[in-house]
Structures are given as structure tokens and as C-alpha cells.
Amino acid sequence: MKNLFKNQKFLFALGGAAAAIAGRKIITAKKTRELAVSGLAKGMKLTHDAKESFQNMKDEAADICFDAKVEAGIDVEEAEE
């Protein structure tokens, strides 16, 4: 038995089995699911906010461009074509 714990392959196999058991417990835990769902929701909100900010910037840039064309006396209908 003493020689068994000195065998590196046996220790790797034992460590792998222990990691698999521990990993399964962690993955199936309720708290892990709650954390994953919470993280996903935050990521989705961040994406939505970024898209909204980008759209606002595009709208503001279009307004500035339109105002500049009007101020320069460029026919806006002609310039848009």
C-alpha cells in the first residue's frame, strides 16, 4: 500500500477522479446556476446598453451633419441622394 501512493500514475488517476467528483458537485449546485444566469443577464444588459449608445451617437452625428448642410446652404434633399 505504501508503494501505491508513491506511484505517480496512481496519484494522477486518484486526483482526476477526485476532480471529476468535485466538478460535478460544483456544476450541479444551485448557486452555480444562479451565478451563471446572473452573469449572462448582466452581459446581455451591457450589450443592449452598448447598442443603444451607439445608435444615439449615430443619430446625433446625422443631426449634426444635417444642420451643417443646412447652414452651408446645401440642398438637403439633393445631398441625401
PDB file of N, CA and C in Angstrom:
ATOM      1  N   MET A   1       0.825  -1.191   0.000  1.00  0.00           N
ATOM      2  CA  MET A   1       0.000   0.000   0.000  1.00  0.00           C
ATOM      3  C   MET A   1       0.871   1.258   0.000  1.00  0.00           C
ATOM      4  N   LYS A   2       1.973   1.188   0.711  1.00  0.00           N
ATOM      5  CA  LYS A   2       2.876   2.327   0.803  1.00  0.00           C
ATOM      6  C   LYS A   2       3.450   2.673  -0.566  1.00  0.00           C
ATOM      7  N   ASN A   3       3.762   1.666  -1.348  1.00  0.00           N
ATOM      8  CA  ASN A   3       4.309   1.872  -2.683  1.00  0.00           C
ATOM      9  C   ASN A   3       3.250   2.420  -3.647  1.00  0.00           C
ATOM     10  N   LEU A   4       1.988   2.154  -3.350  1.00  0.00           N
ATOM     11  CA  LEU A   4       0.898   2.602  -4.210  1.00  0.00           C
ATOM     12  C   LEU A   4       0.830   4.126  -4.243  1.00  0.00           C
ATOM     13  N   PHE A   5       1.044   4.779  -3.103  1.00  0.00           N
ATOM     14  CA  PHE A   5       0.977   6.240  -3.036  1.00  0.00           C
ATOM     15  C   PHE A   5       2.238   6.907  -3.596  1.00  0.00           C
ATOM     16  N   LYS A   6       3.274   6.136  -3.857  1.00  0.00           N
ATOM     17  CA  LYS A   6       4.477   6.665  -4.488  1.00  0.00           C
ATOM     18  C   LYS A   6       4.389   6.574  -6.006  1.00  0.00           C
ATOM     19  N   ASN A   7       3.427   5.798  -6.494  1.00  0.00           N
ATOM     20  CA  ASN A   7       3.248   5.622  -7.926  1.00  0.00           C
ATOM     21  C   ASN A   7       2.558   6.871  -8.505  1.00  0.00           C
ATOM     22  N   GLN A   8       3.256   7.546  -9.392  1.00  0.00           N
ATOM     23  CA  GLN A   8       2.772   8.811  -9.940  1.00  0.00           C
ATOM     24  C   GLN A   8       1.489   8.619 -10.763  1.00  0.00           C
ATOM     25  N   LYS A   9       1.400   7.573 -11.547  1.00  0.00           N
ATOM     26  CA  LYS A   9       0.214   7.323 -12.366  1.00  0.00           C
ATOM     27  C   LYS A   9      -1.018   7.092 -11.485  1.00  0.00           C
ATOM     28  N   PHE A  10      -0.839   6.364 -10.384  1.00  0.00           N
ATOM     29  CA  PHE A  10      -1.946   6.132  -9.463  1.00  0.00           C
ATOM     30  C   PHE A  10      -2.424   7.446  -8.845  1.00  0.00           C
ATOM     31  N   LEU A  11      -1.480   8.300  -8.468  1.00  0.00           N
ATOM     32  CA  LEU A  11      -1.849   9.588  -7.872  1.00  0.00           C
ATOM     33  C   LEU A  11      -2.573  10.474  -8.878  1.00  0.00           C
ATOM     34  N   PHE A  12      -2.142  10.450 -10.148  1.00  0.00           N
ATOM     35  CA  PHE A  12      -2.840  11.222 -11.177  1.00  0.00           C
ATOM     36  C   PHE A  12      -4.266  10.701 -11.377  1.00  0.00           C
ATOM     37  N   ALA A  13      -4.425   9.408 -11.402  1.00  0.00           N
ATOM     38  CA  ALA A  13      -5.748   8.817 -11.570  1.00  0.00           C
ATOM     39  C   ALA A  13      -6.637   9.162 -10.376  1.00  0.00           C
ATOM     40  N   LEU A  14      -6.076   9.085  -9.184  1.00  0.00           N
ATOM     41  CA  LEU A  14      -6.829   9.422  -7.978  1.00  0.00           C
ATOM     42  C   LEU A  14      -7.218  10.907  -7.978  1.00  0.00           C
ATOM     43  N   GLY A  15      -6.292  11.765  -8.380  1.00  0.00           N
ATOM     44  CA  GLY A  15      -6.582  13.203  -8.468  1.00  0.00           C
ATOM     45  C   GLY A  15      -7.626  13.511  -9.523  1.00  0.00           C
ATOM     46  N   GLY A  16      -7.569  12.826 -10.636  1.00  0.00           N
ATOM     47  CA  GLY A  16      -8.567  13.016 -11.695  1.00  0.00           C
ATOM     48  C   GLY A  16      -9.955  12.611 -11.249  1.00  0.00           C
ATOM     49  N   ALA A  17     -10.040  11.492 -10.540  1.00  0.00           N
ATOM     50  CA  ALA A  17     -11.340  11.041 -10.039  1.00  0.00           C
ATOM     51  C   ALA A  17     -11.892  12.035  -9.022  1.00  0.00           C
ATOM     52  N   ALA A  18     -11.030  12.519  -8.138  1.00  0.00           N
ATOM     53  CA  ALA A  18     -11.467  13.488  -7.136  1.00  0.00           C
ATOM     54  C   ALA A  18     -11.918  14.786  -7.802  1.00  0.00           C
ATOM     55  N   ALA A  19     -11.207  15.236  -8.830  1.00  0.00           N
ATOM     56  CA  ALA A  19     -11.580  16.460  -9.545  1.00  0.00           C
ATOM     57  C   ALA A  19     -12.914  16.285 -10.266  1.00  0.00           C
ATOM     58  N   ALA A  20     -13.138  15.114 -10.835  1.00  0.00           N
ATOM     59  CA  ALA A  20     -14.406  14.852 -11.522  1.00  0.00           C
ATOM     60  C   ALA A  20     -15.576  14.884 -10.546  1.00  0.00           C
ATOM     61  N   ILE A  21     -15.393  14.286  -9.393  1.00  0.00           N
ATOM     62  CA  ILE A  21     -16.461  14.283  -8.384  1.00  0.00           C
ATOM     63  C   ILE A  21     -16.729  15.707  -7.890  1.00  0.00           C
ATOM     64  N   ALA A  22     -15.667  16.429  -7.587  1.00  0.00           N
ATOM     65  CA  ALA A  22     -15.822  17.803  -7.102  1.00  0.00           C
ATOM     66  C   ALA A  22     -16.425  18.697  -8.191  1.00  0.00           C
ATOM     67  N   GLY A  23     -15.985  18.524  -9.407  1.00  0.00           N
ATOM     68  CA  GLY A  23     -16.510  19.312 -10.515  1.00  0.00           C
ATOM     69  C   GLY A  23     -17.983  19.086 -10.742  1.00  0.00           C
ATOM     70  N   ARG A  24     -18.405  17.854 -10.638  1.00  0.00           N
ATOM     71  CA  ARG A  24     -19.824  17.545 -10.818  1.00  0.00           C
ATOM     72  C   ARG A  24     -20.661  18.203  -9.723  1.00  0.00           C
ATOM     73  N   LYS A  25     -20.160  18.180  -8.508  1.00  0.00           N
ATOM     74  CA  LYS A  25     -20.879  18.814  -7.392  1.00  0.00           C
ATOM     75  C   LYS A  25     -20.994  20.316  -7.628  1.00  0.00           C
ATOM     76  N   ILE A  26     -19.924  20.920  -8.105  1.00  0.00           N
ATOM     77  CA  ILE A  26     -19.923  22.369  -8.335  1.00  0.00           C
ATOM     78  C   ILE A  26     -20.863  22.731  -9.484  1.00  0.00           C
ATOM     79  N   ILE A  27     -20.798  21.982 -10.573  1.00  0.00           N
ATOM     80  CA  ILE A  27     -21.609  22.286 -11.749  1.00  0.00           C
ATOM     81  C   ILE A  27     -23.102  22.127 -11.467  1.00  0.00           C
ATOM     82  N   THR A  28     -23.479  21.143 -10.697  1.00  0.00           N
ATOM     83  CA  THR A  28     -24.898  20.902 -10.439  1.00  0.00           C
ATOM     84  C   THR A  28     -25.433  21.689  -9.252  1.00  0.00           C
ATOM     85  N   ALA A  29     -24.607  22.500  -8.619  1.00  0.00           N
ATOM     86  CA  ALA A  29     -25.056  23.271  -7.464  1.00  0.00           C
ATOM     87  C   ALA A  29     -25.999  24.397  -7.899  1.00  0.00           C
ATOM     88  N   LYS A  30     -26.963  24.695  -7.071  1.00  0.00           N
ATOM     89  CA  LYS A  30     -27.947  25.741  -7.347  1.00  0.00           C
ATOM     90  C   LYS A  30     -27.267  27.116  -7.434  1.00  0.00           C
ATOM     91  N   LYS A  31     -26.326  27.357  -6.556  1.00  0.00           N
ATOM     92  CA  LYS A  31     -25.632  28.654  -6.532  1.00  0.00           C
ATOM     93  C   LYS A  31     -24.848  28.881  -7.827  1.00  0.00           C
ATOM     94  N   THR A  32     -24.256  27.831  -8.376  1.00  0.00           N
ATOM     95  CA  THR A  32     -23.519  27.945  -9.634  1.00  0.00           C
ATOM     96  C   THR A  32     -24.454  28.374 -10.754  1.00  0.00           C
ATOM     97  N   ARG A  33     -25.631  27.783 -10.792  1.00  0.00           N
ATOM     98  CA  ARG A  33     -26.632  28.156 -11.809  1.00  0.00           C
ATOM     99  C   ARG A  33     -27.058  29.610 -11.631  1.00  0.00           C
ATOM    100  N   GLU A  34     -27.299  30.021 -10.399  1.00  0.00           N
ATOM    101  CA  GLU A  34     -27.696  31.402 -10.136  1.00  0.00           C
ATOM    102  C   GLU A  34     -26.614  32.379 -10.593  1.00  0.00           C
ATOM    103  N   LEU A  35     -25.357  32.059 -10.310  1.00  0.00           N
ATOM    104  CA  LEU A  35     -24.257  32.922 -10.727  1.00  0.00           C
ATOM    105  C   LEU A  35     -24.139  32.982 -12.252  1.00  0.00           C
ATOM    106  N   ALA A  36     -24.322  31.844 -12.912  1.00  0.00           N
ATOM    107  CA  ALA A  36     -24.233  31.804 -14.367  1.00  0.00           C
ATOM    108  C   ALA A  36     -25.353  32.619 -15.005  1.00  0.00           C
ATOM    109  N   VAL A  37     -26.558  32.468 -14.501  1.00  0.00           N
ATOM    110  CA  VAL A  37     -27.701  33.216 -15.040  1.00  0.00           C
ATOM    111  C   VAL A  37     -27.514  34.712 -14.790  1.00  0.00           C
ATOM    112  N   SER A  38     -27.054  35.061 -13.608  1.00  0.00           N
ATOM    113  CA  SER A  38     -26.818  36.462 -13.275  1.00  0.00           C
ATOM    114  C   SER A  38     -25.752  37.068 -14.190  1.00  0.00           C
ATOM    115  N   GLY A  39     -24.673  36.349 -14.407  1.00  0.00           N
ATOM    116  CA  GLY A  39     -23.614  36.831 -15.290  1.00  0.00           C
ATOM    117  C   GLY A  39     -24.089  36.997 -16.718  1.00  0.00           C
ATOM    118  N   LEU A  40     -24.881  36.054 -17.190  1.00  0.00           N
ATOM    119  CA  LEU A  40     -25.421  36.137 -18.544  1.00  0.00           C
ATOM    120  C   LEU A  40     -26.359  37.332 -18.684  1.00  0.00           C
ATOM    121  N   ALA A  41     -27.203  37.552 -17.678  1.00  0.00           N
ATOM    122  CA  ALA A  41     -28.125  38.692 -17.708  1.00  0.00           C
ATOM    123  C   ALA A  41     -27.362  40.014 -17.730  1.00  0.00           C
ATOM    124  N   LYS A  42     -26.310  40.111 -16.946  1.00  0.00           N
ATOM    125  CA  LYS A  42     -25.502  41.339 -16.936  1.00  0.00           C
ATOM    126  C   LYS A  42     -24.834  41.558 -18.286  1.00  0.00           C
ATOM    127  N   GLY A  43     -24.352  40.488 -18.895  1.00  0.00           N
ATOM    128  CA  GLY A  43     -23.740  40.592 -20.217  1.00  0.00           C
ATOM    129  C   GLY A  43     -24.735  41.033 -21.273  1.00  0.00           C
ATOM    130  N   MET A  44     -25.952  40.512 -21.211  1.00  0.00           N
ATOM    131  CA  MET A  44     -26.991  40.900 -22.160  1.00  0.00           C
ATOM    132  C   MET A  44     -27.375  42.363 -21.982  1.00  0.00           C
ATOM    133  N   LYS A  45     -27.455  42.818 -20.739  1.00  0.00           N
ATOM    134  CA  LYS A  45     -27.787  44.224 -20.462  1.00  0.00           C
ATOM    135  C   LYS A  45     -26.674  45.132 -20.978  1.00  0.00           C
ATOM    136  N   LEU A  46     -25.434  44.735 -20.764  1.00  0.00           N
ATOM    137  CA  LEU A  46     -24.298  45.516 -21.237  1.00  0.00           C
ATOM    138  C   LEU A  46     -24.322  45.630 -22.763  1.00  0.00           C
ATOM    139  N   THR A  47     -24.622  44.546 -23.443  1.00  0.00           N
ATOM    140  CA  THR A  47     -24.713  44.552 -24.903  1.00  0.00           C
ATOM    141  C   THR A  47     -25.831  45.478 -25.371  1.00  0.00           C
ATOM    142  N   HIS A  48     -26.982  45.382 -24.715  1.00  0.00           N
ATOM    143  CA  HIS A  48     -28.116  46.236 -25.068  1.00  0.00           C
ATOM    144  C   HIS A  48     -27.770  47.707 -24.869  1.00  0.00           C
ATOM    145  N   ASP A  49     -27.157  48.032 -23.737  1.00  0.00           N
ATOM    146  CA  ASP A  49     -26.779  49.417 -23.456  1.00  0.00           C
ATOM    147  C   ASP A  49     -25.758  49.935 -24.473  1.00  0.00           C
ATOM    148  N   ALA A  50     -24.817  49.084 -24.870  1.00  0.00           N
ATOM    149  CA  ALA A  50     -23.805  49.493 -25.846  1.00  0.00           C
ATOM    150  C   ALA A  50     -24.447  49.763 -27.203  1.00  0.00           C
ATOM    151  N   LYS A  51     -25.376  48.910 -27.624  1.00  0.00           N
ATOM    152  CA  LYS A  51     -26.059  49.117 -28.899  1.00  0.00           C
ATOM    153  C   LYS A  51     -26.888  50.399 -28.868  1.00  0.00           C
ATOM    154  N   GLU A  52     -27.536  50.644 -27.737  1.00  0.00           N
ATOM    155  CA  GLU A  52     -28.348  51.852 -27.587  1.00  0.00           C
ATOM    156  C   GLU A  52     -27.469  53.106 -27.647  1.00  0.00           C
ATOM    157  N   SER A  53     -26.329  53.084 -26.978  1.00  0.00           N
ATOM    158  CA  SER A  53     -25.406  54.217 -27.004  1.00  0.00           C
ATOM    159  C   SER A  53     -24.880  54.462 -28.411  1.00  0.00           C
ATOM    160  N   PHE A  54     -24.543  53.391 -29.116  1.00  0.00           N
ATOM    161  CA  PHE A  54     -24.045  53.517 -30.482  1.00  0.00           C
ATOM    162  C   PHE A  54     -25.105  54.129 -31.385  1.00  0.00           C
ATOM    163  N   GLN A  55     -26.345  53.694 -31.243  1.00  0.00           N
ATOM    164  CA  GLN A  55     -27.427  54.244 -32.056  1.00  0.00           C
ATOM    165  C   GLN A  55     -27.627  55.724 -31.756  1.00  0.00           C
ATOM    166  N   ASN A  56     -27.525  56.114 -30.485  1.00  0.00           N
ATOM    167  CA  ASN A  56     -27.646  57.527 -30.123  1.00  0.00           C
ATOM    168  C   ASN A  56     -26.535  58.357 -30.764  1.00  0.00           C
ATOM    169  N   MET A  57     -25.311  57.811 -30.771  1.00  0.00           N
ATOM    170  CA  MET A  57     -24.199  58.522 -31.402  1.00  0.00           C
ATOM    171  C   MET A  57     -24.435  58.689 -32.896  1.00  0.00           C
ATOM    172  N   LYS A  58     -24.940  57.645 -33.557  1.00  0.00           N
ATOM    173  CA  LYS A  58     -25.226  57.730 -34.990  1.00  0.00           C
ATOM    174  C   LYS A  58     -26.300  58.783 -35.261  1.00  0.00           C
ATOM    175  N   ASP A  59     -27.345  58.798 -34.432  1.00  0.00           N
ATOM    176  CA  ASP A  59     -28.418  59.778 -34.618  1.00  0.00           C
ATOM    177  C   ASP A  59     -27.903  61.201 -34.429  1.00  0.00           C
ATOM    178  N   GLU A  60     -27.089  61.411 -33.403  1.00  0.00           N
ATOM    179  CA  GLU A  60     -26.530  62.742 -33.154  1.00  0.00           C
ATOM    180  C   GLU A  60     -25.618  63.178 -34.299  1.00  0.00           C
ATOM    181  N   ALA A  61     -24.819  62.259 -34.819  1.00  0.00           N
ATOM    182  CA  ALA A  61     -23.934  62.583 -35.939  1.00  0.00           C
ATOM    183  C   ALA A  61     -24.750  62.945 -37.178  1.00  0.00           C
ATOM    184  N   ALA A  62     -25.833  62.233 -37.423  1.00  0.00           N
ATOM    185  CA  ALA A  62     -26.691  62.546 -38.569  1.00  0.00           C
ATOM    186  C   ALA A  62     -27.328  63.919 -38.401  1.00  0.00           C
ATOM    187  N   ASP A  63     -27.756  64.238 -37.197  1.00  0.00           N
ATOM    188  CA  ASP A  63     -28.335  65.564 -36.931  1.00  0.00           C
ATOM    189  C   ASP A  63     -27.310  66.667 -37.148  1.00  0.00           C
ATOM    190  N   ILE A  64     -26.096  66.463 -36.675  1.00  0.00           N
ATOM    191  CA  ILE A  64     -25.033  67.463 -36.843  1.00  0.00           C
ATOM    192  C   ILE A  64     -24.729  67.651 -38.326  1.00  0.00           C
ATOM    193  N   CYS A  65     -24.674  66.563 -39.064  1.00  0.00           N
ATOM    194  CA  CYS A  65     -24.401  66.616 -40.498  1.00  0.00           C
ATOM    195  C   CYS A  65     -25.525  67.372 -41.217  1.00  0.00           C
ATOM    196  N   PHE A  66     -26.762  67.083 -40.862  1.00  0.00           N
ATOM    197  CA  PHE A  66     -27.907  67.763 -41.462  1.00  0.00           C
ATOM    198  C   PHE A  66     -27.852  69.258 -41.176  1.00  0.00           C
ATOM    199  N   ASP A  67     -27.588  69.608 -39.911  1.00  0.00           N
ATOM    200  CA  ASP A  67     -27.503  71.025 -39.534  1.00  0.00           C
ATOM    201  C   ASP A  67     -26.379  71.733 -40.294  1.00  0.00           C
ATOM    202  N   ALA A  68     -25.248  71.058 -40.459  1.00  0.00           N
ATOM    203  CA  ALA A  68     -24.119  71.652 -41.182  1.00  0.00           C
ATOM    204  C   ALA A  68     -24.475  71.878 -42.640  1.00  0.00           C
ATOM    205  N   LYS A  69     -25.197  70.956 -43.249  1.00  0.00           N
ATOM    206  CA  LYS A  69     -25.606  71.113 -44.645  1.00  0.00           C
ATOM    207  C   LYS A  69     -26.579  72.273 -44.798  1.00  0.00           C
ATOM    208  N   VAL A  70     -27.516  72.384 -43.862  1.00  0.00           N
ATOM    209  CA  VAL A  70     -28.478  73.485 -43.905  1.00  0.00           C
ATOM    210  C   VAL A  70     -27.748  74.814 -43.744  1.00  0.00           C
ATOM    211  N   GLU A  71     -26.816  74.862 -42.809  1.00  0.00           N
ATOM    212  CA  GLU A  71     -26.062  76.083 -42.552  1.00  0.00           C
ATOM    213  C   GLU A  71     -25.193  76.468 -43.748  1.00  0.00           C
ATOM    214  N   ALA A  72     -24.674  75.472 -44.465  1.00  0.00           N
ATOM    215  CA  ALA A  72     -23.826  75.737 -45.622  1.00  0.00           C
ATOM    216  C   ALA A  72     -24.642  76.068 -46.860  1.00  0.00           C
ATOM    217  N   GLY A  73     -25.964  75.899 -46.775  1.00  0.00           N
ATOM    218  CA  GLY A  73     -26.826  76.209 -47.911  1.00  0.00           C
ATOM    219  C   GLY A  73     -26.893  75.101 -48.933  1.00  0.00           C
ATOM    220  N   ILE A  74     -26.477  73.928 -48.571  1.00  0.00           N
ATOM    221  CA  ILE A  74     -26.563  72.794 -49.498  1.00  0.00           C
ATOM    222  C   ILE A  74     -27.991  72.280 -49.475  1.00  0.00           C
ATOM    223  N   ASP A  75     -28.517  72.009 -50.665  1.00  0.00           N
ATOM    224  CA  ASP A  75     -29.869  71.479 -50.733  1.00  0.00           C
ATOM    225  C   ASP A  75     -29.870  70.094 -50.093  1.00  0.00           C
ATOM    226  N   VAL A  76     -30.563  69.951 -49.004  1.00  0.00           N
ATOM    227  CA  VAL A  76     -30.516  68.734 -48.206  1.00  0.00           C
ATOM    228  C   VAL A  76     -31.072  67.554 -48.973  1.00  0.00           C
ATOM    229  N   GLU A  77     -32.152  67.758 -49.725  1.00  0.00           N
ATOM    230  CA  GLU A  77     -32.733  66.663 -50.494  1.00  0.00           C
ATOM    231  C   GLU A  77     -31.766  66.193 -51.569  1.00  0.00           C
ATOM    232  N   GLU A  78     -31.070  67.132 -52.200  1.00  0.00           N
ATOM    233  CA  GLU A  78     -30.097  66.810 -53.225  1.00  0.00           C
ATOM    234  C   GLU A  78     -28.887  66.074 -52.633  1.00  0.00           C
ATOM    235  N   ALA A  79     -28.447  66.521 -51.460  1.00  0.00           N
ATOM    236  CA  ALA A  79     -27.268  65.942 -50.816  1.00  0.00           C
ATOM    237  C   ALA A  79     -27.527  64.531 -50.320  1.00  0.00           C
ATOM    238  N   GLU A  80     -28.758  64.238 -49.940  1.00  0.00           N
ATOM    239  CA  GLU A  80     -29.087  62.900 -49.429  1.00  0.00           C
ATOM    240  C   GLU A  80     -29.110  61.870 -50.521  1.00  0.00           C
ATOM    241  N   GLU A  81     -29.328  62.283 -51.767  1.00  0.00           N
ATOM    242  CA  GLU A  81     -29.365  61.345 -52.880  1.00  0.00           C
ATOM    243  C   GLU A  81     -27.989  60.992 -53.244  1.00  0.00           C
TER     244      GLU A  81
END
